[in-house]
Amino acid sequence: MYENSIRHLPIVEGGKLIGVISDRDIKLAFAVDGDKAKTRLTGDSCTSDPYSADVSEHLRTVAFTMSQRTIGCCVVTERDQVVGILTATDACRVLSQLV
């Protein structure tokens, strides 16, 4: 994630979204467990039941929900399959183009 400047990564098991792991989750794992964090499973450190929205959902609704829940990303799905991720940075980029 660090090498590719990825801050949020969806976790999928059997084709089903089960969580999202963030760079903050990883930093916390290392702060708590030190080098033992290297052997932790991703699923043990991720946020389970993450916010997701279908590709047909309005950006306004997704951005509002993200702001209300104070979350940094929304997993984008199509027919229950992960197709992308919308981050707060992405939303700010769109906002900057509109104003």
N, C-alpha and C. Protein backbone atom coordinates (compact mmCIF):
# COMPACT_ATOMS: atom_id res chain seq x y z
N MET A 1 0.83 -1.18 0.00
CA MET A 1 0.00 0.00 0.00
C MET A 1 0.88 1.25 0.00
N TYR A 2 1.91 1.26 0.83
CA TYR A 2 2.79 2.42 0.92
C TYR A 2 3.50 2.68 -0.41
N GLU A 3 4.02 1.63 -1.01
CA GLU A 3 4.77 1.77 -2.26
C GLU A 3 3.91 2.31 -3.39
N ASN A 4 2.61 2.05 -3.36
CA ASN A 4 1.72 2.47 -4.42
C ASN A 4 0.80 3.64 -4.01
N SER A 5 1.11 4.27 -2.89
CA SER A 5 0.33 5.41 -2.38
C SER A 5 -1.16 5.07 -2.24
N ILE A 6 -1.43 3.88 -1.72
CA ILE A 6 -2.80 3.44 -1.50
C ILE A 6 -3.12 3.62 -0.01
N ARG A 7 -4.20 4.34 0.29
CA ARG A 7 -4.55 4.58 1.69
C ARG A 7 -5.70 3.72 2.17
N HIS A 8 -6.52 3.19 1.25
CA HIS A 8 -7.66 2.34 1.60
C HIS A 8 -7.69 1.17 0.64
N LEU A 9 -7.92 -0.02 1.18
CA LEU A 9 -7.94 -1.22 0.35
C LEU A 9 -9.12 -2.08 0.74
N PRO A 10 -10.04 -2.35 -0.21
CA PRO A 10 -11.17 -3.23 0.11
C PRO A 10 -10.67 -4.66 0.36
N ILE A 11 -11.29 -5.34 1.31
CA ILE A 11 -10.97 -6.73 1.61
C ILE A 11 -12.17 -7.58 1.16
N VAL A 12 -11.90 -8.51 0.26
CA VAL A 12 -12.95 -9.34 -0.32
C VAL A 12 -12.63 -10.79 -0.02
N GLU A 13 -13.67 -11.53 0.37
CA GLU A 13 -13.51 -12.96 0.62
C GLU A 13 -14.64 -13.69 -0.11
N GLY A 14 -14.27 -14.61 -0.97
CA GLY A 14 -15.27 -15.33 -1.73
C GLY A 14 -16.13 -14.43 -2.60
N GLY A 15 -15.54 -13.34 -3.08
CA GLY A 15 -16.27 -12.39 -3.91
C GLY A 15 -17.13 -11.42 -3.14
N LYS A 16 -17.17 -11.53 -1.81
CA LYS A 16 -18.01 -10.67 -0.97
C LYS A 16 -17.15 -9.68 -0.19
N LEU A 17 -17.56 -8.43 -0.19
CA LEU A 17 -16.87 -7.39 0.58
C LEU A 17 -17.02 -7.67 2.06
N ILE A 18 -15.89 -7.81 2.76
CA ILE A 18 -15.95 -8.07 4.20
C ILE A 18 -15.32 -6.95 5.03
N GLY A 19 -14.55 -6.07 4.38
CA GLY A 19 -13.92 -5.02 5.14
C GLY A 19 -13.11 -4.07 4.29
N VAL A 20 -12.53 -3.09 4.95
CA VAL A 20 -11.60 -2.14 4.34
C VAL A 20 -10.46 -1.98 5.32
N ILE A 21 -9.26 -2.02 4.80
CA ILE A 21 -8.10 -1.73 5.66
C ILE A 21 -7.49 -0.42 5.19
N SER A 22 -7.13 0.42 6.13
CA SER A 22 -6.56 1.72 5.80
C SER A 22 -5.12 1.78 6.29
N ASP A 23 -4.41 2.77 5.80
CA ASP A 23 -3.05 2.97 6.27
C ASP A 23 -3.04 3.24 7.77
N ARG A 24 -4.09 3.89 8.26
CA ARG A 24 -4.20 4.15 9.70
C ARG A 24 -4.37 2.85 10.49
N ASP A 25 -5.15 1.90 9.95
CA ASP A 25 -5.31 0.59 10.60
C ASP A 25 -3.97 -0.11 10.74
N ILE A 26 -3.17 -0.04 9.69
CA ILE A 26 -1.87 -0.71 9.70
C ILE A 26 -0.94 -0.03 10.70
N LYS A 27 -0.93 1.30 10.71
CA LYS A 27 -0.09 2.03 11.67
C LYS A 27 -0.50 1.70 13.11
N LEU A 28 -1.79 1.61 13.35
CA LEU A 28 -2.27 1.26 14.69
C LEU A 28 -1.84 -0.14 15.08
N ALA A 29 -1.94 -1.08 14.15
CA ALA A 29 -1.53 -2.46 14.44
C ALA A 29 -0.06 -2.51 14.84
N PHE A 30 0.79 -1.76 14.14
CA PHE A 30 2.21 -1.76 14.48
C PHE A 30 2.47 -1.02 15.79
N ALA A 31 1.68 0.02 16.08
CA ALA A 31 1.84 0.74 17.34
C ALA A 31 1.49 -0.14 18.52
N VAL A 32 0.47 -0.98 18.35
CA VAL A 32 0.00 -1.84 19.43
C VAL A 32 0.84 -3.11 19.54
N ASP A 33 1.09 -3.75 18.41
CA ASP A 33 1.75 -5.06 18.41
C ASP A 33 3.21 -5.05 18.01
N GLY A 34 3.76 -3.93 17.59
CA GLY A 34 5.15 -3.89 17.16
C GLY A 34 5.39 -4.83 15.99
N ASP A 35 6.51 -5.53 16.02
CA ASP A 35 6.86 -6.45 14.93
C ASP A 35 5.89 -7.62 14.80
N LYS A 36 5.14 -7.93 15.86
CA LYS A 36 4.15 -9.00 15.77
C LYS A 36 3.07 -8.69 14.74
N ALA A 37 2.89 -7.40 14.43
CA ALA A 37 1.88 -7.01 13.45
C ALA A 37 2.19 -7.57 12.07
N LYS A 38 3.45 -7.89 11.81
CA LYS A 38 3.83 -8.45 10.51
C LYS A 38 3.18 -9.80 10.26
N THR A 39 2.80 -10.50 11.32
CA THR A 39 2.20 -11.83 11.16
C THR A 39 0.68 -11.81 11.32
N ARG A 40 0.10 -10.63 11.58
CA ARG A 40 -1.36 -10.52 11.70
C ARG A 40 -2.03 -10.73 10.35
N LEU A 41 -3.21 -11.27 10.37
CA LEU A 41 -4.00 -11.40 9.15
C LEU A 41 -4.68 -10.07 8.85
N THR A 42 -4.84 -9.78 7.59
CA THR A 42 -5.46 -8.53 7.18
C THR A 42 -6.84 -8.38 7.80
N GLY A 43 -7.60 -9.47 7.81
CA GLY A 43 -8.95 -9.44 8.36
C GLY A 43 -9.01 -9.09 9.83
N ASP A 44 -7.90 -9.31 10.55
CA ASP A 44 -7.86 -8.98 11.97
C ASP A 44 -7.68 -7.49 12.22
N SER A 45 -7.24 -6.76 11.20
CA SER A 45 -6.95 -5.33 11.37
C SER A 45 -7.90 -4.43 10.59
N CYS A 46 -8.73 -5.00 9.75
CA CYS A 46 -9.57 -4.18 8.90
C CYS A 46 -10.86 -3.75 9.61
N THR A 47 -11.49 -2.74 9.05
CA THR A 47 -12.80 -2.31 9.50
C THR A 47 -13.82 -3.20 8.83
N SER A 48 -14.59 -3.92 9.63
CA SER A 48 -15.58 -4.82 9.05
C SER A 48 -16.86 -4.05 8.72
N ASP A 49 -17.64 -4.59 7.82
CA ASP A 49 -18.91 -3.99 7.39
C ASP A 49 -18.72 -2.53 6.98
N PRO A 50 -17.85 -2.29 5.98
CA PRO A 50 -17.59 -0.91 5.57
C PRO A 50 -18.76 -0.31 4.79
N TYR A 51 -18.77 1.01 4.72
CA TYR A 51 -19.78 1.71 3.93
C TYR A 51 -19.54 1.42 2.45
N SER A 52 -20.59 1.03 1.76
CA SER A 52 -20.50 0.80 0.33
C SER A 52 -21.72 1.37 -0.35
N ALA A 53 -21.58 1.65 -1.64
CA ALA A 53 -22.69 2.18 -2.42
C ALA A 53 -22.57 1.66 -3.84
N ASP A 54 -23.72 1.45 -4.46
CA ASP A 54 -23.75 0.99 -5.84
C ASP A 54 -23.32 2.13 -6.77
N VAL A 55 -22.80 1.78 -7.94
CA VAL A 55 -22.35 2.78 -8.90
C VAL A 55 -23.46 3.74 -9.32
N SER A 56 -24.70 3.33 -9.15
CA SER A 56 -25.84 4.18 -9.53
C SER A 56 -26.21 5.21 -8.46
N GLU A 57 -25.60 5.10 -7.28
CA GLU A 57 -25.91 6.04 -6.19
C GLU A 57 -25.37 7.43 -6.53
N HIS A 58 -26.13 8.47 -6.19
CA HIS A 58 -25.70 9.84 -6.46
C HIS A 58 -24.49 10.21 -5.60
N LEU A 59 -23.54 10.89 -6.19
CA LEU A 59 -22.34 11.32 -5.47
C LEU A 59 -22.71 12.19 -4.28
N ARG A 60 -23.71 13.02 -4.42
CA ARG A 60 -24.15 13.89 -3.33
C ARG A 60 -24.53 13.06 -2.10
N THR A 61 -25.27 11.98 -2.33
CA THR A 61 -25.71 11.11 -1.23
C THR A 61 -24.52 10.43 -0.57
N VAL A 62 -23.61 9.92 -1.38
CA VAL A 62 -22.43 9.23 -0.86
C VAL A 62 -21.56 10.20 -0.06
N ALA A 63 -21.29 11.37 -0.62
CA ALA A 63 -20.46 12.36 0.06
C ALA A 63 -21.10 12.80 1.38
N PHE A 64 -22.42 13.00 1.37
CA PHE A 64 -23.11 13.40 2.59
C PHE A 64 -22.99 12.31 3.66
N THR A 65 -23.21 11.07 3.26
CA THR A 65 -23.11 9.95 4.21
C THR A 65 -21.69 9.85 4.76
N MET A 66 -20.69 9.98 3.90
CA MET A 66 -19.30 9.94 4.37
C MET A 66 -19.04 11.04 5.39
N SER A 67 -19.57 12.24 5.13
CA SER A 67 -19.33 13.35 6.06
C SER A 67 -20.07 13.13 7.38
N GLN A 68 -21.29 12.60 7.31
CA GLN A 68 -22.07 12.35 8.52
C GLN A 68 -21.43 11.28 9.40
N ARG A 69 -20.88 10.26 8.77
CA ARG A 69 -20.25 9.16 9.51
C ARG A 69 -18.77 9.42 9.81
N THR A 70 -18.24 10.51 9.28
CA THR A 70 -16.83 10.86 9.43
C THR A 70 -15.93 9.71 8.99
N ILE A 71 -16.15 9.25 7.76
CA ILE A 71 -15.36 8.15 7.21
C ILE A 71 -14.61 8.63 5.97
N GLY A 72 -13.49 7.99 5.70
CA GLY A 72 -12.62 8.44 4.62
C GLY A 72 -12.83 7.78 3.29
N CYS A 73 -13.71 6.76 3.24
CA CYS A 73 -13.91 6.11 1.95
C CYS A 73 -15.24 5.38 1.88
N CYS A 74 -15.63 5.13 0.64
CA CYS A 74 -16.83 4.35 0.34
C CYS A 74 -16.42 3.33 -0.72
N VAL A 75 -16.72 2.07 -0.49
CA VAL A 75 -16.44 1.04 -1.48
C VAL A 75 -17.56 1.09 -2.51
N VAL A 76 -17.18 1.18 -3.77
CA VAL A 76 -18.15 1.27 -4.86
C VAL A 76 -18.39 -0.13 -5.41
N THR A 77 -19.66 -0.50 -5.52
CA THR A 77 -20.03 -1.83 -5.99
C THR A 77 -20.96 -1.75 -7.20
N GLU A 78 -20.98 -2.83 -7.92
CA GLU A 78 -21.94 -3.00 -9.01
C GLU A 78 -22.40 -4.44 -8.97
N ARG A 79 -23.70 -4.62 -8.76
CA ARG A 79 -24.27 -5.96 -8.59
C ARG A 79 -23.51 -6.74 -7.51
N ASP A 80 -23.27 -6.06 -6.40
CA ASP A 80 -22.60 -6.63 -5.21
C ASP A 80 -21.15 -7.03 -5.44
N GLN A 81 -20.54 -6.58 -6.53
CA GLN A 81 -19.12 -6.83 -6.78
C GLN A 81 -18.36 -5.53 -6.61
N VAL A 82 -17.22 -5.57 -5.95
CA VAL A 82 -16.40 -4.38 -5.75
C VAL A 82 -15.82 -3.95 -7.09
N VAL A 83 -16.06 -2.67 -7.44
CA VAL A 83 -15.52 -2.13 -8.69
C VAL A 83 -14.61 -0.94 -8.46
N GLY A 84 -14.57 -0.43 -7.23
CA GLY A 84 -13.71 0.71 -6.96
C GLY A 84 -13.88 1.21 -5.54
N ILE A 85 -13.25 2.34 -5.31
CA ILE A 85 -13.32 2.95 -3.99
C ILE A 85 -13.32 4.46 -4.19
N LEU A 86 -14.20 5.14 -3.49
CA LEU A 86 -14.26 6.60 -3.52
C LEU A 86 -13.74 7.10 -2.19
N THR A 87 -12.73 7.94 -2.23
CA THR A 87 -12.15 8.47 -1.00
C THR A 87 -12.57 9.92 -0.78
N ALA A 88 -12.34 10.41 0.41
CA ALA A 88 -12.62 11.81 0.70
C ALA A 88 -11.79 12.70 -0.21
N THR A 89 -10.58 12.28 -0.53
CA THR A 89 -9.73 13.04 -1.46
C THR A 89 -10.37 13.11 -2.83
N ASP A 90 -10.95 11.99 -3.30
CA ASP A 90 -11.65 11.99 -4.58
C ASP A 90 -12.80 12.98 -4.57
N ALA A 91 -13.58 12.97 -3.49
CA ALA A 91 -14.72 13.86 -3.36
C ALA A 91 -14.27 15.33 -3.36
N CYS A 92 -13.18 15.61 -2.69
CA CYS A 92 -12.65 16.99 -2.68
C CYS A 92 -12.17 17.40 -4.08
N ARG A 93 -11.61 16.46 -4.82
CA ARG A 93 -11.17 16.75 -6.19
C ARG A 93 -12.38 17.14 -7.04
N VAL A 94 -13.47 16.41 -6.92
CA VAL A 94 -14.68 16.74 -7.68
C VAL A 94 -15.21 18.10 -7.25
N LEU A 95 -15.24 18.36 -5.96
CA LEU A 95 -15.72 19.63 -5.44
C LEU A 95 -14.88 20.78 -6.00
N SER A 96 -13.57 20.61 -6.03
CA SER A 96 -12.70 21.68 -6.53
C SER A 96 -12.94 21.99 -8.01
N GLN A 97 -13.38 20.99 -8.75
CA GLN A 97 -13.68 21.20 -10.17
C GLN A 97 -15.02 21.90 -10.36
N LEU A 98 -15.90 21.76 -9.38
CA LEU A 98 -17.23 22.37 -9.49
C LEU A 98 -17.30 23.81 -9.02
N VAL A 99 -16.37 24.20 -8.14
CA VAL A 99 -16.44 25.57 -7.60
C VAL A 99 -15.40 26.48 -8.24
